[in-house]
Amino acid sequence: MKCVGNIKLVIFGIFCFIAFNFNVNATSSVSLKASATSVTVGDTITITTTFSSDVGLVWTKASVECRGAGVKESGKSIDKALTNDKTYQESYKIRPTSSGTITCTVSSAKILDMNSDQNLGNDAWINLSNKSLTIQVKEPVVITPQEYSSNNYLENLSIDGFELSPEFDKETLEYSVEVPNDTEKVIINAKKEDSTASVSGSGEVSVSEGANKIEVKVTAQNGNERIYVINVNVEELDPIKVTIDDKEYTIIRKNDVLEPPQGYEETTVMIDGEEVLAYTNDQTKYTLVGLKDEEGNSAWYIYDEEKDTYTPYVFYNFNGVSLITLDMPKNLIPDGFVKSSFEYNDERVEGYKYKSNSQFYLIYGMNSETGEKGLYMFDKKEGTVQRFNDEIADIYKDKADLYFMILMIVSGIVGVAIVATAVVLIVRTKKRKKNKIKF
């Protein structure tokens, strides 16, 4: 038994000797990495050297060198003391000035780690294997600026079955043609001079009685535009002409020229002793007729049979509120409001506003669903409209009148006080003078 105990004691001693006198093997390494391995001449590349040890680093040393492709920042020396860091990195930048291959190498790399016996001097250093990498450098791609054609001419322009006046010339931009009354469509032929250009407005085009303005647009490859205009006049049978503000219009007598407004029903009215196509609405009580101007633009107008007048039918849908805008009666314009227009859906709308920088506009119109006329406030920022609350306006007016009255009363009281004070001062002065004379 005593022998067995001695053996255990010897084994324990050997174990302790090994534990305290021999280093445990540690994993150490060095690596080299580039921010990119395929670059263009002039690019900047970052080269990073990384040391690592799973027991902690005490010191790192190495030499890093990059050569090739005109690199001038060729090398870097690493010599860094650490405090038990498990990894350590150092970077530097290179910039190639010509195409080719860059070869980067980390050499003479060695470390001291936490297991190193520094009493051994140079023998304590752990040498690491050299590492290298390559980077391919290419010349920059030179993109030759593309030249775009500016040719936006037509080579030919014609209408099937009809002759243009004047005869086509690519420099002439406006033409005219007369067609019979029963013509509903014409076929426009447009041939571009340059194959890279594009043409719009050609092909089959619908026309109606009277003037019709057709535009053929040629867009060059570089975006330049040229517009050719053809004025197609469809002969009318006994046309009815009306004059509005010194401008002549023709009454539209066919029902396929203008889309009637929603809620209006087809009817006829007598104008110049002839029946004319018209549309009416029970809510608005309006009678609408279509008019076409000398340039071929068609629109609906409110026809007052008793007065024989025509007023433009201007309709807007303000975020769910359908309004027919009307001229504002002078007696409804609030004090301080001045006429000012605003833009809504790419159209100009006439209104009134109180301040020059205000986002709120006052407009007068008829609700197309109820037929009621009234004032509406348009919020330009929100694009919404609501009935104008004149009660609030009256409240502000009453308050303003009250403030003015109070101001006048206060001013009167102050005035009386000043006069009274002046009188008292004058009386006192006179008394003093009399007293001086007596003595």
Protein backbone atom coordinates (compact mmCIF):
# COMPACT_ATOMS: atom_id res chain seq x y z
CA MET A 1 0.00 0.00 0.00
CA LYS A 2 2.83 2.37 0.83
CA CYS A 3 4.40 1.64 -2.58
CA VAL A 4 1.17 2.50 -4.44
CA GLY A 5 0.94 5.82 -2.62
CA ASN A 6 4.50 6.74 -3.61
CA ILE A 7 3.73 5.95 -7.25
CA LYS A 8 0.69 8.30 -7.21
CA LEU A 9 2.80 11.02 -5.68
CA VAL A 10 5.45 10.66 -8.42
CA ILE A 11 2.81 10.80 -11.19
CA PHE A 12 1.28 13.94 -9.69
CA GLY A 13 4.71 15.58 -9.57
CA ILE A 14 5.41 14.75 -13.20
CA PHE A 15 2.00 16.25 -14.19
CA CYS A 16 2.74 19.47 -12.33
CA PHE A 17 6.19 19.74 -13.91
CA ILE A 18 4.70 19.42 -17.39
CA ALA A 19 1.92 21.91 -16.66
CA PHE A 20 4.26 24.61 -15.37
CA ASN A 21 7.28 24.13 -17.60
CA PHE A 22 5.87 23.49 -21.07
CA ASN A 23 3.88 25.91 -23.26
CA VAL A 24 0.55 24.76 -24.64
CA ASN A 25 0.58 24.91 -28.46
CA ALA A 26 -1.20 28.08 -29.75
CA THR A 27 -2.63 28.78 -33.24
CA SER A 28 -1.07 31.87 -34.85
CA SER A 29 -1.30 33.25 -38.40
CA VAL A 30 -0.90 36.24 -40.69
CA SER A 31 -3.09 37.06 -43.72
CA LEU A 32 -3.11 39.60 -46.53
CA LYS A 33 -6.22 41.08 -48.12
CA ALA A 34 -6.98 43.72 -50.80
CA SER A 35 -10.13 45.84 -50.96
CA ALA A 36 -10.45 44.76 -54.62
CA THR A 37 -8.63 42.28 -56.83
CA SER A 38 -9.77 43.72 -60.16
CA VAL A 39 -9.49 47.50 -60.60
CA THR A 40 -9.03 50.27 -63.14
CA VAL A 41 -5.96 52.47 -63.55
CA GLY A 42 -6.18 55.30 -61.04
CA ASP A 43 -8.31 53.41 -58.51
CA THR A 44 -7.20 53.40 -54.85
CA ILE A 45 -6.74 49.97 -53.26
CA THR A 46 -6.47 49.24 -49.54
CA ILE A 47 -4.03 46.48 -48.53
CA THR A 48 -4.66 45.01 -45.05
CA THR A 49 -2.36 42.74 -43.04
CA THR A 50 -4.01 40.79 -40.19
CA PHE A 51 -2.17 38.98 -37.36
CA SER A 52 -4.03 36.58 -35.07
CA SER A 53 -3.31 34.32 -32.09
CA ASP A 54 -5.85 32.46 -29.98
CA VAL A 55 -3.78 33.07 -26.80
CA GLY A 56 -3.23 36.78 -27.32
CA LEU A 57 -0.59 38.84 -29.18
CA VAL A 58 2.29 40.62 -27.48
CA TRP A 59 4.27 41.87 -30.51
CA THR A 60 3.97 41.75 -34.32
CA LYS A 61 6.55 42.34 -37.02
CA ALA A 62 6.37 42.02 -40.81
CA SER A 63 7.27 43.60 -44.12
CA VAL A 64 4.52 44.24 -46.71
CA GLU A 65 5.39 45.06 -50.30
CA CYS A 66 3.33 45.63 -53.51
CA ARG A 67 4.90 45.90 -56.96
CA GLY A 68 3.67 46.24 -60.53
CA ALA A 69 1.26 48.40 -62.60
CA GLY A 70 3.16 51.58 -61.73
CA VAL A 71 2.50 51.38 -57.96
CA LYS A 72 4.64 53.93 -56.15
CA GLU A 73 3.50 53.26 -52.58
CA SER A 74 5.43 50.01 -52.69
CA GLY A 75 5.96 48.87 -49.09
CA LYS A 76 5.18 49.12 -45.41
CA SER A 77 7.03 47.95 -42.32
CA ILE A 78 5.08 46.64 -39.31
CA ASP A 79 6.54 46.69 -35.81
CA LYS A 80 3.86 46.90 -33.14
CA ALA A 81 3.77 46.08 -29.42
CA LEU A 82 0.36 44.89 -28.17
CA THR A 83 -1.38 44.01 -24.94
CA ASN A 84 -2.91 40.57 -25.30
CA ASP A 85 -4.99 41.40 -28.43
CA LYS A 86 -6.07 38.27 -30.27
CA THR A 87 -6.04 40.07 -33.64
CA TYR A 88 -4.23 43.08 -35.03
CA GLN A 89 -4.58 44.80 -38.43
CA GLU A 90 -2.55 47.38 -40.31
CA SER A 91 -3.55 48.87 -43.69
CA TYR A 92 -2.05 51.12 -46.29
CA LYS A 93 -3.19 52.31 -49.71
CA ILE A 94 -1.76 51.86 -53.18
CA ARG A 95 -2.76 53.42 -56.49
CA PRO A 96 -1.83 51.87 -59.86
CA THR A 97 -0.90 54.26 -62.68
CA SER A 98 -0.81 51.73 -65.52
CA SER A 99 -2.47 48.47 -66.49
CA GLY A 100 -0.98 45.10 -65.55
CA THR A 101 -0.68 42.92 -62.45
CA ILE A 102 0.12 44.02 -58.91
CA THR A 103 1.72 41.41 -56.62
CA CYS A 104 1.54 42.06 -52.89
CA THR A 105 3.53 39.97 -50.34
CA VAL A 106 3.80 39.91 -46.57
CA SER A 107 7.19 38.46 -45.53
CA SER A 108 9.40 38.12 -42.45
CA ALA A 109 6.20 37.97 -40.40
CA LYS A 110 6.65 36.91 -36.76
CA ILE A 111 4.95 37.38 -33.43
CA LEU A 112 5.37 37.06 -29.69
CA ASP A 113 2.26 35.67 -28.02
CA MET A 114 1.28 35.06 -24.42
CA ASN A 115 2.94 31.64 -24.46
CA SER A 116 6.27 32.99 -25.66
CA ASP A 117 9.15 32.80 -23.16
CA GLN A 118 10.67 36.24 -23.70
CA ASN A 119 13.74 35.24 -21.68
CA LEU A 120 14.80 33.29 -24.76
CA GLY A 121 15.39 36.52 -26.76
CA ASN A 122 15.18 36.06 -30.53
CA ASP A 123 14.39 32.38 -30.06
CA ALA A 124 11.07 33.33 -28.46
CA TRP A 125 9.65 34.74 -31.74
CA ILE A 126 7.18 32.62 -33.69
CA ASN A 127 7.85 32.83 -37.43
CA LEU A 128 4.82 32.87 -39.74
CA SER A 129 4.57 31.77 -43.38
CA ASN A 130 4.75 34.38 -46.15
CA LYS A 131 1.46 35.29 -47.88
CA SER A 132 0.82 36.94 -51.24
CA LEU A 133 -1.98 38.04 -53.54
CA THR A 134 -2.37 39.50 -57.02
CA ILE A 135 -4.51 42.36 -58.33
CA GLN A 136 -5.44 42.82 -61.99
CA VAL A 137 -5.41 46.41 -63.27
CA LYS A 138 -7.24 47.39 -66.46
CA GLU A 139 -7.26 50.55 -68.53
CA PRO A 140 -10.43 52.64 -68.03
CA VAL A 141 -13.14 52.09 -70.62
CA VAL A 142 -13.36 55.12 -72.86
CA ILE A 143 -16.93 55.79 -73.95
CA THR A 144 -17.07 57.79 -77.12
CA PRO A 145 -19.84 60.39 -76.83
CA GLN A 146 -22.68 59.47 -79.15
CA GLU A 147 -23.76 62.12 -81.58
CA TYR A 148 -27.53 62.43 -81.86
CA SER A 149 -29.21 63.64 -85.00
CA SER A 150 -31.00 67.00 -84.87
CA ASN A 151 -32.97 66.39 -88.08
CA ASN A 152 -36.67 66.94 -87.36
CA TYR A 153 -37.90 67.57 -90.90
CA LEU A 154 -40.60 65.76 -92.83
CA GLU A 155 -39.76 64.48 -96.29
CA ASN A 156 -43.40 64.49 -97.29
CA LEU A 157 -46.84 65.41 -95.85
CA SER A 158 -50.19 64.67 -97.47
CA ILE A 159 -53.87 63.77 -96.92
CA ASP A 160 -55.44 60.88 -98.78
CA GLY A 161 -57.73 62.16 -101.53
CA PHE A 162 -57.07 65.89 -100.97
CA GLU A 163 -54.45 68.47 -101.93
CA LEU A 164 -52.70 70.61 -99.35
CA SER A 165 -52.32 74.33 -99.85
CA PRO A 166 -49.61 75.44 -100.30
CA GLU A 167 -47.69 72.56 -101.84
CA PHE A 168 -45.57 70.75 -99.27
CA ASP A 169 -42.16 72.17 -98.46
CA LYS A 170 -40.25 70.93 -95.43
CA GLU A 171 -39.59 74.50 -94.31
CA THR A 172 -43.31 75.44 -94.45
CA LEU A 173 -45.04 74.59 -91.20
CA GLU A 174 -48.73 75.39 -91.86
CA TYR A 175 -51.14 74.10 -94.51
CA SER A 176 -54.88 74.10 -95.20
CA VAL A 177 -57.37 71.90 -97.01
CA GLU A 178 -61.12 71.97 -97.73
CA VAL A 179 -63.11 68.73 -97.43
CA PRO A 180 -66.81 67.95 -98.08
CA ASN A 181 -69.49 68.22 -95.40
CA ASP A 182 -69.91 64.46 -94.96
CA THR A 183 -66.20 63.97 -94.13
CA GLU A 184 -65.78 62.53 -90.65
CA LYS A 185 -62.19 61.28 -90.86
CA VAL A 186 -59.05 62.07 -92.82
CA ILE A 187 -55.86 60.06 -93.22
CA ILE A 188 -52.65 62.01 -92.65
CA ASN A 189 -49.49 60.68 -94.31
CA ALA A 190 -46.21 61.92 -92.84
CA LYS A 191 -42.81 60.62 -93.93
CA LYS A 192 -39.81 61.64 -91.84
CA GLU A 193 -36.58 62.75 -93.49
CA ASP A 194 -34.34 61.09 -90.88
CA SER A 195 -34.90 57.46 -89.86
CA THR A 196 -33.85 58.19 -86.27
CA ALA A 197 -36.62 60.76 -85.79
CA SER A 198 -40.16 59.96 -84.56
CA VAL A 199 -43.53 61.25 -85.81
CA SER A 200 -46.82 61.68 -83.95
CA GLY A 201 -50.20 62.97 -85.12
CA SER A 202 -50.33 61.13 -88.42
CA GLY A 203 -52.72 58.34 -89.43
CA GLU A 204 -56.52 58.45 -89.18
CA VAL A 205 -57.84 61.62 -87.53
CA SER A 206 -61.48 62.48 -86.78
CA VAL A 207 -62.81 65.85 -88.00
CA SER A 208 -66.09 67.73 -87.59
CA GLU A 209 -67.88 70.54 -89.34
CA GLY A 210 -65.94 73.76 -89.53
CA ALA A 211 -62.29 74.31 -88.69
CA ASN A 212 -60.11 71.44 -87.47
CA LYS A 213 -56.50 71.97 -86.44
CA ILE A 214 -54.28 68.90 -86.84
CA GLU A 215 -50.70 68.93 -85.56
CA VAL A 216 -48.02 66.55 -86.81
CA LYS A 217 -45.02 66.57 -84.50
CA VAL A 218 -41.55 65.45 -85.61
CA THR A 219 -39.06 64.75 -82.80
CA ALA A 220 -35.39 64.46 -83.72
CA GLN A 221 -33.10 61.92 -82.08
CA ASN A 222 -31.65 64.68 -79.88
CA GLY A 223 -35.14 65.71 -78.70
CA ASN A 224 -35.65 68.79 -80.87
CA GLU A 225 -39.26 69.14 -82.04
CA ARG A 226 -40.87 70.58 -85.16
CA ILE A 227 -44.65 70.88 -85.55
CA TYR A 228 -46.44 70.91 -88.90
CA VAL A 229 -50.04 72.21 -88.78
CA ILE A 230 -52.85 71.21 -91.16
CA ASN A 231 -56.04 73.26 -90.98
CA VAL A 232 -58.80 70.98 -92.24
CA ASN A 233 -62.01 72.87 -92.94
CA VAL A 234 -65.06 70.63 -93.22
CA GLU A 235 -67.65 72.46 -95.33
CA GLU A 236 -70.81 73.25 -93.41
CA LEU A 237 -74.37 73.24 -94.69
CA ASP A 238 -75.86 76.60 -93.78
CA PRO A 239 -73.48 77.24 -90.85
CA ILE A 240 -74.77 79.32 -87.94
CA LYS A 241 -72.19 81.87 -86.81
CA VAL A 242 -72.16 83.67 -83.47
CA THR A 243 -69.83 86.37 -82.16
CA ILE A 244 -68.54 86.42 -78.57
CA ASP A 245 -66.14 89.16 -77.45
CA ASP A 246 -65.33 90.05 -81.08
CA LYS A 247 -64.46 86.43 -81.86
CA GLU A 248 -66.45 84.35 -84.34
CA TYR A 249 -67.70 80.86 -83.52
CA THR A 250 -69.68 78.21 -85.39
CA ILE A 251 -72.46 76.26 -83.67
CA ILE A 252 -71.80 72.51 -83.59
CA ARG A 253 -74.77 70.64 -84.98
CA LYS A 254 -73.54 67.03 -84.79
CA ASN A 255 -73.71 64.99 -81.57
CA ASP A 256 -70.41 63.14 -81.98
CA VAL A 257 -68.09 66.14 -81.79
CA LEU A 258 -68.23 66.90 -78.05
CA GLU A 259 -68.87 64.52 -75.15
CA PRO A 260 -71.88 65.89 -73.24
CA PRO A 261 -71.34 66.66 -69.53
CA GLN A 262 -72.58 64.08 -67.03
CA GLY A 263 -76.24 64.52 -66.08
CA TYR A 264 -77.22 66.42 -69.24
CA GLU A 265 -79.85 65.13 -71.68
CA GLU A 266 -80.04 65.76 -75.41
CA THR A 267 -82.56 68.29 -76.71
CA THR A 268 -82.82 71.03 -79.34
CA VAL A 269 -83.16 74.80 -79.28
CA MET A 270 -84.08 77.32 -81.96
CA ILE A 271 -81.23 79.61 -83.04
CA ASP A 272 -81.63 81.87 -86.06
CA GLY A 273 -84.82 80.03 -86.97
CA GLU A 274 -83.16 76.60 -87.05
CA GLU A 275 -83.15 73.66 -84.67
CA VAL A 276 -79.77 73.21 -83.03
CA LEU A 277 -78.44 70.34 -80.96
CA ALA A 278 -78.38 71.19 -77.24
CA TYR A 279 -78.25 69.54 -73.78
CA THR A 280 -80.15 70.42 -70.60
CA ASN A 281 -79.97 69.53 -66.91
CA ASP A 282 -82.91 69.70 -64.46
CA GLN A 283 -80.67 70.68 -61.54
CA THR A 284 -78.59 73.43 -63.11
CA LYS A 285 -81.43 74.62 -65.40
CA TYR A 286 -78.74 75.27 -68.02
CA THR A 287 -79.00 74.74 -71.75
CA LEU A 288 -75.66 73.91 -73.35
CA VAL A 289 -74.68 74.25 -77.01
CA GLY A 290 -71.32 73.42 -78.59
CA LEU A 291 -69.27 76.13 -80.27
CA LYS A 292 -66.16 75.84 -82.41
CA ASP A 293 -63.74 78.74 -82.86
CA GLU A 294 -61.82 79.64 -86.00
CA GLU A 295 -58.85 77.54 -84.88
CA GLY A 296 -60.94 74.40 -84.55
CA ASN A 297 -61.22 74.36 -80.74
CA SER A 298 -64.59 73.08 -79.50
CA ALA A 299 -66.24 73.73 -76.12
CA TRP A 300 -69.60 73.85 -74.35
CA TYR A 301 -71.32 77.19 -73.74
CA ILE A 302 -74.34 78.09 -71.58
CA TYR A 303 -77.02 79.47 -73.90
CA ASP A 304 -79.52 81.96 -72.51
CA GLU A 305 -82.37 81.90 -75.00
CA GLU A 306 -84.05 85.02 -73.61
CA LYS A 307 -80.92 87.17 -73.68
CA ASP A 308 -79.40 85.36 -76.68
CA THR A 309 -76.04 85.15 -74.87
CA TYR A 310 -73.33 82.50 -74.62
CA THR A 311 -71.24 81.93 -71.47
CA PRO A 312 -68.35 79.42 -71.28
CA TYR A 313 -69.39 76.30 -69.35
CA VAL A 314 -66.44 75.77 -67.01
CA PHE A 315 -66.68 72.67 -64.85
CA TYR A 316 -64.30 71.36 -62.17
CA ASN A 317 -64.31 68.42 -59.82
CA PHE A 318 -62.63 69.65 -56.64
CA ASN A 319 -61.86 66.43 -54.79
CA GLY A 320 -65.44 65.17 -54.95
CA VAL A 321 -67.24 68.55 -55.11
CA SER A 322 -68.46 69.23 -58.66
CA LEU A 323 -68.64 72.96 -59.40
CA ILE A 324 -69.55 75.04 -62.42
CA THR A 325 -67.53 78.20 -61.89
CA LEU A 326 -69.35 81.49 -62.53
CA ASP A 327 -68.48 85.17 -62.57
CA MET A 328 -68.52 86.56 -59.04
CA PRO A 329 -71.35 89.11 -58.46
CA LYS A 330 -69.83 92.36 -57.18
CA ASN A 331 -72.16 92.49 -54.17
CA LEU A 332 -70.82 89.10 -52.96
CA ILE A 333 -67.13 90.05 -52.96
CA PRO A 334 -66.12 90.45 -49.27
CA ASP A 335 -64.28 93.60 -48.22
CA GLY A 336 -60.54 93.30 -48.65
CA PHE A 337 -60.65 90.47 -51.24
CA VAL A 338 -58.97 91.09 -54.60
CA LYS A 339 -59.25 89.16 -57.85
CA SER A 340 -56.56 86.50 -58.31
CA SER A 341 -56.35 83.32 -60.38
CA PHE A 342 -54.86 79.97 -59.41
CA GLU A 343 -53.90 76.77 -61.24
CA TYR A 344 -55.89 73.57 -60.84
CA ASN A 345 -55.30 70.47 -62.97
CA ASP A 346 -53.24 72.52 -65.45
CA GLU A 347 -56.04 75.09 -65.90
CA ARG A 348 -56.40 78.66 -64.67
CA VAL A 349 -59.33 79.33 -62.33
CA GLU A 350 -60.51 82.83 -61.48
CA GLY A 351 -61.03 83.58 -57.81
CA TYR A 352 -60.45 86.11 -55.04
CA LYS A 353 -58.09 86.12 -52.06
CA TYR A 354 -57.58 88.29 -49.01
CA LYS A 355 -53.77 88.38 -48.80
CA SER A 356 -51.17 88.19 -51.55
CA ASN A 357 -49.45 85.17 -49.96
CA SER A 358 -52.67 83.38 -48.99
CA GLN A 359 -53.26 79.75 -50.02
CA PHE A 360 -57.04 80.20 -49.86
CA TYR A 361 -59.15 81.44 -52.78
CA LEU A 362 -62.80 82.45 -52.82
CA ILE A 363 -64.74 81.31 -55.90
CA TYR A 364 -68.37 81.60 -56.97
CA GLY A 365 -70.04 78.61 -58.57
CA MET A 366 -72.95 76.24 -58.88
CA ASN A 367 -72.99 72.73 -57.41
CA SER A 368 -73.78 70.59 -60.44
CA GLU A 369 -75.53 67.97 -58.29
CA THR A 370 -77.88 70.33 -56.39
CA GLY A 371 -78.05 73.32 -58.74
CA GLU A 372 -77.36 75.68 -55.83
CA LYS A 373 -75.15 78.71 -56.36
CA GLY A 374 -72.86 80.07 -53.68
CA LEU A 375 -69.41 81.05 -52.47
CA TYR A 376 -66.76 78.36 -52.01
CA MET A 377 -63.33 78.47 -50.40
CA PHE A 378 -60.57 76.61 -52.29
CA ASP A 379 -57.52 75.38 -50.34
CA LYS A 380 -54.65 75.40 -52.84
CA LYS A 381 -52.34 73.39 -50.58
CA GLU A 382 -54.81 70.54 -50.05
CA GLY A 383 -56.56 70.85 -53.43
CA THR A 384 -59.98 70.79 -51.72
CA VAL A 385 -63.01 73.06 -51.72
CA GLN A 386 -65.83 73.70 -49.25
CA ARG A 387 -68.69 76.13 -48.84
CA PHE A 388 -67.64 79.55 -47.62
CA ASN A 389 -68.76 80.11 -44.03
CA ASP A 390 -70.04 83.68 -44.17
CA GLU A 391 -71.12 83.40 -40.53
CA ILE A 392 -67.47 83.40 -39.46
CA ALA A 393 -66.81 86.34 -41.74
CA ASP A 394 -69.70 88.24 -40.07
CA ILE A 395 -68.31 87.41 -36.62
CA TYR A 396 -64.92 88.84 -37.57
CA LYS A 397 -66.61 91.89 -39.07
CA ASP A 398 -68.68 92.44 -35.91
CA LYS A 399 -65.56 92.12 -33.78
CA ALA A 400 -63.72 94.55 -36.00
CA ASP A 401 -66.60 97.05 -35.68
CA LEU A 402 -66.63 96.57 -31.89
CA TYR A 403 -62.88 97.12 -31.65
CA PHE A 404 -63.21 100.24 -33.78
CA MET A 405 -66.02 101.56 -31.55
CA ILE A 406 -63.97 100.89 -28.39
CA LEU A 407 -60.99 102.63 -29.98
CA MET A 408 -63.12 105.69 -30.79
CA ILE A 409 -64.57 105.83 -27.24
CA VAL A 410 -61.12 105.52 -25.65
CA SER A 411 -59.77 108.17 -28.02
CA GLY A 412 -62.67 110.47 -27.05
CA ILE A 413 -62.06 110.00 -23.33
CA VAL A 414 -58.35 110.68 -23.73
CA GLY A 415 -59.15 113.78 -25.76
CA VAL A 416 -61.56 115.12 -23.15
CA ALA A 417 -59.00 114.44 -20.40
CA ILE A 418 -56.32 116.34 -22.29
CA VAL A 419 -58.64 119.34 -22.84
CA ALA A 420 -59.72 119.34 -19.19
CA THR A 421 -56.11 119.21 -18.02
CA ALA A 422 -55.22 122.11 -20.29
CA VAL A 423 -58.13 124.20 -18.93
CA VAL A 424 -57.12 123.53 -15.32
CA LEU A 425 -53.52 124.54 -16.06
CA ILE A 426 -54.64 127.79 -17.72
CA VAL A 427 -56.93 128.73 -14.78
CA ARG A 428 -54.18 128.10 -12.24
CA THR A 429 -51.75 130.19 -14.22
CA LYS A 430 -54.14 133.16 -14.30
CA LYS A 431 -54.73 132.98 -10.52
CA ARG A 432 -51.00 133.07 -9.83
CA LYS A 433 -50.61 136.15 -11.97
CA LYS A 434 -53.43 137.97 -10.07
CA ASN A 435 -51.85 137.08 -6.73
CA LYS A 436 -48.52 138.58 -7.80
CA ILE A 437 -50.16 141.87 -8.79
CA LYS A 438 -51.86 142.31 -5.35
CA PHE A 439 -48.51 142.17 -3.52
